[in-house]
PDB file of N, CA and C in Angstrom:
ATOM      1  N   MET A   1      43.554  18.735  -9.767  1.00  0.00           N
ATOM      2  CA  MET A   1      43.440  17.659 -10.741  1.00  0.00           C
ATOM      3  C   MET A   1      42.022  17.105 -10.664  1.00  0.00           C
ATOM      4  N   ASP A   2      41.321  17.116 -11.779  1.00  0.00           N
ATOM      5  CA  ASP A   2      39.938  16.653 -11.808  1.00  0.00           C
ATOM      6  C   ASP A   2      39.849  15.370 -12.632  1.00  0.00           C
ATOM      7  N   TYR A   3      39.521  14.273 -11.971  1.00  0.00           N
ATOM      8  CA  TYR A   3      39.358  12.999 -12.668  1.00  0.00           C
ATOM      9  C   TYR A   3      38.320  12.172 -11.942  1.00  0.00           C
ATOM     10  N   THR A   4      37.750  11.207 -12.666  1.00  0.00           N
ATOM     11  CA  THR A   4      36.749  10.334 -12.065  1.00  0.00           C
ATOM     12  C   THR A   4      37.455   9.128 -11.475  1.00  0.00           C
ATOM     13  N   ASP A   5      37.269   8.915 -10.211  1.00  0.00           N
ATOM     14  CA  ASP A   5      37.896   7.798  -9.527  1.00  0.00           C
ATOM     15  C   ASP A   5      36.837   6.737  -9.295  1.00  0.00           C
ATOM     16  N   GLU A   6      37.078   5.511  -9.749  1.00  0.00           N
ATOM     17  CA  GLU A   6      36.076   4.466  -9.579  1.00  0.00           C
ATOM     18  C   GLU A   6      36.153   3.795  -8.215  1.00  0.00           C
ATOM     19  N   TYR A   7      37.130   4.170  -7.388  1.00  0.00           N
ATOM     20  CA  TYR A   7      37.258   3.590  -6.059  1.00  0.00           C
ATOM     21  C   TYR A   7      37.004   4.635  -4.989  1.00  0.00           C
ATOM     22  N   ASN A   8      36.355   4.194  -3.941  1.00  0.00           N
ATOM     23  CA  ASN A   8      36.168   5.037  -2.764  1.00  0.00           C
ATOM     24  C   ASN A   8      37.520   5.059  -2.056  1.00  0.00           C
ATOM     25  N   ARG A   9      37.934   6.174  -1.524  1.00  0.00           N
ATOM     26  CA  ARG A   9      39.237   6.269  -0.866  1.00  0.00           C
ATOM     27  C   ARG A   9      39.230   5.655   0.537  1.00  0.00           C
ATOM     28  N   GLU A  10      38.070   5.387   1.101  1.00  0.00           N
ATOM     29  CA  GLU A  10      38.010   4.802   2.434  1.00  0.00           C
ATOM     30  C   GLU A  10      38.289   3.310   2.340  1.00  0.00           C
ATOM     31  N   THR A  11      39.140   2.809   3.230  1.00  0.00           N
ATOM     32  CA  THR A  11      39.437   1.384   3.258  1.00  0.00           C
ATOM     33  C   THR A  11      38.803   0.752   4.490  1.00  0.00           C
ATOM     34  N   TYR A  12      38.523  -0.541   4.373  1.00  0.00           N
ATOM     35  CA  TYR A  12      37.856  -1.282   5.443  1.00  0.00           C
ATOM     36  C   TYR A  12      38.707  -2.490   5.804  1.00  0.00           C
ATOM     37  N   LYS A  13      38.893  -2.701   7.096  1.00  0.00           N
ATOM     38  CA  LYS A  13      39.695  -3.824   7.571  1.00  0.00           C
ATOM     39  C   LYS A  13      38.856  -5.097   7.642  1.00  0.00           C
ATOM     40  N   VAL A  14      39.534  -6.232   7.545  1.00  0.00           N
ATOM     41  CA  VAL A  14      38.891  -7.530   7.712  1.00  0.00           C
ATOM     42  C   VAL A  14      38.261  -7.563   9.104  1.00  0.00           C
ATOM     43  N   GLY A  15      37.003  -8.008   9.163  1.00  0.00           N
ATOM     44  CA  GLY A  15      36.288  -8.080  10.429  1.00  0.00           C
ATOM     45  C   GLY A  15      35.351  -6.909  10.660  1.00  0.00           C
ATOM     46  N   SER A  16      35.553  -5.795   9.928  1.00  0.00           N
ATOM     47  CA  SER A  16      34.652  -4.655  10.094  1.00  0.00           C
ATOM     48  C   SER A  16      33.363  -4.904   9.303  1.00  0.00           C
ATOM     49  N   THR A  17      32.341  -4.123   9.595  1.00  0.00           N
ATOM     50  CA  THR A  17      31.028  -4.294   8.975  1.00  0.00           C
ATOM     51  C   THR A  17      30.954  -3.571   7.641  1.00  0.00           C
ATOM     52  N   VAL A  18      30.376  -4.247   6.643  1.00  0.00           N
ATOM     53  CA  VAL A  18      30.180  -3.658   5.322  1.00  0.00           C
ATOM     54  C   VAL A  18      29.133  -2.547   5.454  1.00  0.00           C
ATOM     55  N   PRO A  19      29.468  -1.303   5.060  1.00  0.00           N
ATOM     56  CA  PRO A  19      28.551  -0.189   5.260  1.00  0.00           C
ATOM     57  C   PRO A  19      27.369  -0.140   4.290  1.00  0.00           C
ATOM     58  N   GLU A  20      27.562  -0.608   3.051  1.00  0.00           N
ATOM     59  CA  GLU A  20      26.476  -0.587   2.070  1.00  0.00           C
ATOM     60  C   GLU A  20      26.700  -1.647   1.004  1.00  0.00           C
ATOM     61  N   ASP A  21      25.595  -2.090   0.393  1.00  0.00           N
ATOM     62  CA  ASP A  21      25.683  -3.082  -0.677  1.00  0.00           C
ATOM     63  C   ASP A  21      26.564  -2.549  -1.800  1.00  0.00           C
ATOM     64  N   GLY A  22      27.332  -3.426  -2.402  1.00  0.00           N
ATOM     65  CA  GLY A  22      28.125  -3.013  -3.550  1.00  0.00           C
ATOM     66  C   GLY A  22      29.316  -3.912  -3.773  1.00  0.00           C
ATOM     67  N   TYR A  23      30.054  -3.568  -4.816  1.00  0.00           N
ATOM     68  CA  TYR A  23      31.270  -4.307  -5.137  1.00  0.00           C
ATOM     69  C   TYR A  23      32.440  -3.679  -4.393  1.00  0.00           C
ATOM     70  N   TYR A  24      33.282  -4.539  -3.852  1.00  0.00           N
ATOM     71  CA  TYR A  24      34.466  -4.109  -3.121  1.00  0.00           C
ATOM     72  C   TYR A  24      35.679  -4.797  -3.728  1.00  0.00           C
ATOM     73  N   ILE A  25      36.816  -4.124  -3.654  1.00  0.00           N
ATOM     74  CA  ILE A  25      38.050  -4.665  -4.209  1.00  0.00           C
ATOM     75  C   ILE A  25      39.068  -4.869  -3.093  1.00  0.00           C
ATOM     76  N   CYS A  26      39.763  -5.989  -3.152  1.00  0.00           N
ATOM     77  CA  CYS A  26      40.839  -6.278  -2.207  1.00  0.00           C
ATOM     78  C   CYS A  26      42.032  -5.405  -2.618  1.00  0.00           C
ATOM     79  N   VAL A  27      42.502  -4.571  -1.714  1.00  0.00           N
ATOM     80  CA  VAL A  27      43.579  -3.642  -2.044  1.00  0.00           C
ATOM     81  C   VAL A  27      44.875  -4.353  -2.455  1.00  0.00           C
ATOM     82  N   PRO A  28      45.335  -5.374  -1.717  1.00  0.00           N
ATOM     83  CA  PRO A  28      46.597  -6.001  -2.113  1.00  0.00           C
ATOM     84  C   PRO A  28      46.575  -6.715  -3.471  1.00  0.00           C
ATOM     85  N   CYS A  29      45.489  -7.433  -3.805  1.00  0.00           N
ATOM     86  CA  CYS A  29      45.533  -8.263  -5.018  1.00  0.00           C
ATOM     87  C   CYS A  29      44.594  -7.816  -6.134  1.00  0.00           C
ATOM     88  N   GLY A  30      43.580  -6.992  -5.831  1.00  0.00           N
ATOM     89  CA  GLY A  30      42.669  -6.521  -6.869  1.00  0.00           C
ATOM     90  C   GLY A  30      41.460  -7.407  -7.109  1.00  0.00           C
ATOM     91  N   SER A  31      41.288  -8.447  -6.321  1.00  0.00           N
ATOM     92  CA  SER A  31      40.130  -9.329  -6.447  1.00  0.00           C
ATOM     93  C   SER A  31      38.860  -8.550  -6.074  1.00  0.00           C
ATOM     94  N   LYS A  32      37.784  -8.758  -6.830  1.00  0.00           N
ATOM     95  CA  LYS A  32      36.527  -8.041  -6.584  1.00  0.00           C
ATOM     96  C   LYS A  32      35.460  -8.990  -6.057  1.00  0.00           C
ATOM     97  N   LYS A  33      34.597  -8.457  -5.178  1.00  0.00           N
ATOM     98  CA  LYS A  33      33.559  -9.270  -4.569  1.00  0.00           C
ATOM     99  C   LYS A  33      32.346  -8.399  -4.246  1.00  0.00           C
ATOM    100  N   TYR A  34      31.131  -8.935  -4.469  1.00  0.00           N
ATOM    101  CA  TYR A  34      29.911  -8.221  -4.107  1.00  0.00           C
ATOM    102  C   TYR A  34      29.559  -8.550  -2.663  1.00  0.00           C
ATOM    103  N   LEU A  35      29.362  -7.527  -1.851  1.00  0.00           N
ATOM    104  CA  LEU A  35      29.033  -7.704  -0.439  1.00  0.00           C
ATOM    105  C   LEU A  35      27.784  -6.908  -0.094  1.00  0.00           C
ATOM    106  N   LYS A  36      27.032  -7.412   0.883  1.00  0.00           N
ATOM    107  CA  LYS A  36      25.812  -6.739   1.323  1.00  0.00           C
ATOM    108  C   LYS A  36      26.042  -6.033   2.650  1.00  0.00           C
ATOM    109  N   ALA A  37      25.334  -4.932   2.844  1.00  0.00           N
ATOM    110  CA  ALA A  37      25.430  -4.167   4.085  1.00  0.00           C
ATOM    111  C   ALA A  37      25.144  -5.069   5.279  1.00  0.00           C
ATOM    112  N   GLY A  38      25.936  -4.911   6.327  1.00  0.00           N
ATOM    113  CA  GLY A  38      25.755  -5.700   7.540  1.00  0.00           C
ATOM    114  C   GLY A  38      26.643  -6.930   7.612  1.00  0.00           C
ATOM    115  N   GLU A  39      27.136  -7.404   6.448  1.00  0.00           N
ATOM    116  CA  GLU A  39      28.075  -8.526   6.459  1.00  0.00           C
ATOM    117  C   GLU A  39      29.404  -8.040   7.031  1.00  0.00           C
ATOM    118  N   ARG A  40      30.278  -8.960   7.281  1.00  0.00           N
ATOM    119  CA  ARG A  40      31.628  -8.624   7.749  1.00  0.00           C
ATOM    120  C   ARG A  40      32.615  -8.838   6.600  1.00  0.00           C
ATOM    121  N   PHE A  41      33.607  -7.964   6.520  1.00  0.00           N
ATOM    122  CA  PHE A  41      34.670  -8.151   5.533  1.00  0.00           C
ATOM    123  C   PHE A  41      35.499  -9.352   5.975  1.00  0.00           C
ATOM    124  N   ALA A  42      35.661 -10.303   5.075  1.00  0.00           N
ATOM    125  CA  ALA A  42      36.430 -11.520   5.360  1.00  0.00           C
ATOM    126  C   ALA A  42      37.814 -11.406   4.728  1.00  0.00           C
ATOM    127  N   SER A  43      38.698 -12.308   5.105  1.00  0.00           N
ATOM    128  CA  SER A  43      39.998 -12.379   4.445  1.00  0.00           C
ATOM    129  C   SER A  43      39.775 -12.737   2.984  1.00  0.00           C
ATOM    130  N   CYS A  44      40.599 -12.206   2.129  1.00  0.00           N
ATOM    131  CA  CYS A  44      40.485 -12.459   0.693  1.00  0.00           C
ATOM    132  C   CYS A  44      40.999 -13.857   0.384  1.00  0.00           C
ATOM    133  N   LEU A  45      40.137 -14.691  -0.161  1.00  0.00           N
ATOM    134  CA  LEU A  45      40.534 -16.065  -0.485  1.00  0.00           C
ATOM    135  C   LEU A  45      41.574 -16.101  -1.597  1.00  0.00           C
ATOM    136  N   THR A  46      41.542 -15.113  -2.485  1.00  0.00           N
ATOM    137  CA  THR A  46      42.539 -15.052  -3.553  1.00  0.00           C
ATOM    138  C   THR A  46      43.925 -14.801  -2.964  1.00  0.00           C
ATOM    139  N   CYS A  47      44.003 -13.855  -2.025  1.00  0.00           N
ATOM    140  CA  CYS A  47      45.294 -13.575  -1.363  1.00  0.00           C
ATOM    141  C   CYS A  47      45.780 -14.779  -0.579  1.00  0.00           C
ATOM    142  N   LEU A  48      44.875 -15.436   0.118  1.00  0.00           N
ATOM    143  CA  LEU A  48      45.264 -16.591   0.927  1.00  0.00           C
ATOM    144  C   LEU A  48      45.781 -17.738   0.069  1.00  0.00           C
ATOM    145  N   GLY A  49      45.300 -17.832  -1.173  1.00  0.00           N
ATOM    146  CA  GLY A  49      45.703 -18.912  -2.059  1.00  0.00           C
ATOM    147  C   GLY A  49      47.017 -18.671  -2.769  1.00  0.00           C
ATOM    148  N   LYS A  50      47.535 -17.439  -2.691  1.00  0.00           N
ATOM    149  CA  LYS A  50      48.794 -17.118  -3.372  1.00  0.00           C
ATOM    150  C   LYS A  50      49.977 -17.495  -2.496  1.00  0.00           C
ATOM    151  N   GLU A  51      51.148 -17.366  -3.073  1.00  0.00           N
ATOM    152  CA  GLU A  51      52.367 -17.633  -2.316  1.00  0.00           C
ATOM    153  C   GLU A  51      52.386 -16.754  -1.070  1.00  0.00           C
ATOM    154  N   ARG A  52      52.957 -17.237  -0.013  1.00  0.00           N
ATOM    155  CA  ARG A  52      52.975 -16.512   1.265  1.00  0.00           C
ATOM    156  C   ARG A  52      53.578 -15.114   1.137  1.00  0.00           C
ATOM    157  N   ARG A  53      54.467 -14.896   0.196  1.00  0.00           N
ATOM    158  CA  ARG A  53      55.096 -13.574   0.089  1.00  0.00           C
ATOM    159  C   ARG A  53      54.100 -12.504  -0.335  1.00  0.00           C
ATOM    160  N   TYR A  54      52.978 -12.910  -0.950  1.00  0.00           N
ATOM    161  CA  TYR A  54      51.963 -11.939  -1.352  1.00  0.00           C
ATOM    162  C   TYR A  54      50.978 -11.637  -0.225  1.00  0.00           C
ATOM    163  N   PHE A  55      50.827 -12.573   0.712  1.00  0.00           N
ATOM    164  CA  PHE A  55      49.854 -12.404   1.781  1.00  0.00           C
ATOM    165  C   PHE A  55      50.531 -11.796   2.999  1.00  0.00           C
ATOM    166  N   ARG A  56      50.010 -10.678   3.439  1.00  0.00           N
ATOM    167  CA  ARG A  56      50.541  -9.995   4.621  1.00  0.00           C
ATOM    168  C   ARG A  56      49.405  -9.722   5.590  1.00  0.00           C
ATOM    169  N   ARG A  57      49.368 -10.452   6.683  1.00  0.00           N
ATOM    170  CA  ARG A  57      48.330 -10.245   7.684  1.00  0.00           C
ATOM    171  C   ARG A  57      48.405  -8.796   8.166  1.00  0.00           C
ATOM    172  N   GLY A  58      47.249  -8.167   8.294  1.00  0.00           N
ATOM    173  CA  GLY A  58      47.203  -6.774   8.719  1.00  0.00           C
ATOM    174  C   GLY A  58      47.112  -5.812   7.552  1.00  0.00           C
ATOM    175  N   LEU A  59      47.448  -6.284   6.352  1.00  0.00           N
ATOM    176  CA  LEU A  59      47.336  -5.437   5.163  1.00  0.00           C
ATOM    177  C   LEU A  59      46.109  -5.804   4.346  1.00  0.00           C
ATOM    178  N   GLU A  60      45.259  -6.630   4.930  1.00  0.00           N
ATOM    179  CA  GLU A  60      44.047  -7.053   4.238  1.00  0.00           C
ATOM    180  C   GLU A  60      43.023  -5.918   4.317  1.00  0.00           C
ATOM    181  N   LEU A  61      42.923  -5.158   3.265  1.00  0.00           N
ATOM    182  CA  LEU A  61      42.003  -4.024   3.226  1.00  0.00           C
ATOM    183  C   LEU A  61      41.091  -4.131   2.010  1.00  0.00           C
ATOM    184  N   TRP A  62      39.896  -3.596   2.147  1.00  0.00           N
ATOM    185  CA  TRP A  62      38.924  -3.565   1.062  1.00  0.00           C
ATOM    186  C   TRP A  62      38.525  -2.125   0.779  1.00  0.00           C
ATOM    187  N   GLU A  63      38.260  -1.805  -0.491  1.00  0.00           N
ATOM    188  CA  GLU A  63      37.735  -0.498  -0.906  1.00  0.00           C
ATOM    189  C   GLU A  63      36.483  -0.743  -1.728  1.00  0.00           C
ATOM    190  N   ARG A  64      35.513   0.158  -1.605  1.00  0.00           N
ATOM    191  CA  ARG A  64      34.285   0.058  -2.400  1.00  0.00           C
ATOM    192  C   ARG A  64      34.546   0.574  -3.802  1.00  0.00           C
ATOM    193  N   ILE A  65      34.044  -0.155  -4.793  1.00  0.00           N
ATOM    194  CA  ILE A  65      34.161   0.267  -6.184  1.00  0.00           C
ATOM    195  C   ILE A  65      32.936   1.108  -6.508  1.00  0.00           C
ATOM    196  N   ILE A  66      33.154   2.293  -7.041  1.00  0.00           N
ATOM    197  CA  ILE A  66      32.056   3.195  -7.390  1.00  0.00           C
ATOM    198  C   ILE A  66      31.897   3.181  -8.910  1.00  0.00           C
ATOM    199  N   GLY A  67      30.682   3.044  -9.370  1.00  0.00           N
ATOM    200  CA  GLY A  67      30.450   3.088 -10.819  1.00  0.00           C
ATOM    201  C   GLY A  67      30.643   1.750 -11.476  1.00  0.00           C
ATOM    202  N   LYS A  68      31.720   1.608 -12.266  1.00  0.00           N
ATOM    203  CA  LYS A  68      31.992   0.377 -13.021  1.00  0.00           C
ATOM    204  C   LYS A  68      32.135  -0.824 -12.123  1.00  0.00           C
ATOM    205  N   LYS A  69      31.811  -1.995 -12.687  1.00  0.00           N
ATOM    206  CA  LYS A  69      31.935  -3.254 -11.942  1.00  0.00           C
ATOM    207  C   LYS A  69      32.898  -4.160 -12.640  1.00  0.00           C
TER     208      LYS A  69
END
């Protein structure tokens, strides 16, 4: 199957180091944020602001968006 995927398949945990400048998307909620290389991935404020049933500690993952913003 050949298709263009706008997301990098590698996920990054909260607290890990941002590998390169770019836009990243919160996997659970879809919120997007621009981060610079060397920063740390933080908890998603959008997820934290939602009802507790949407926020699951340990499932806070980020993916880099490739191409479109």
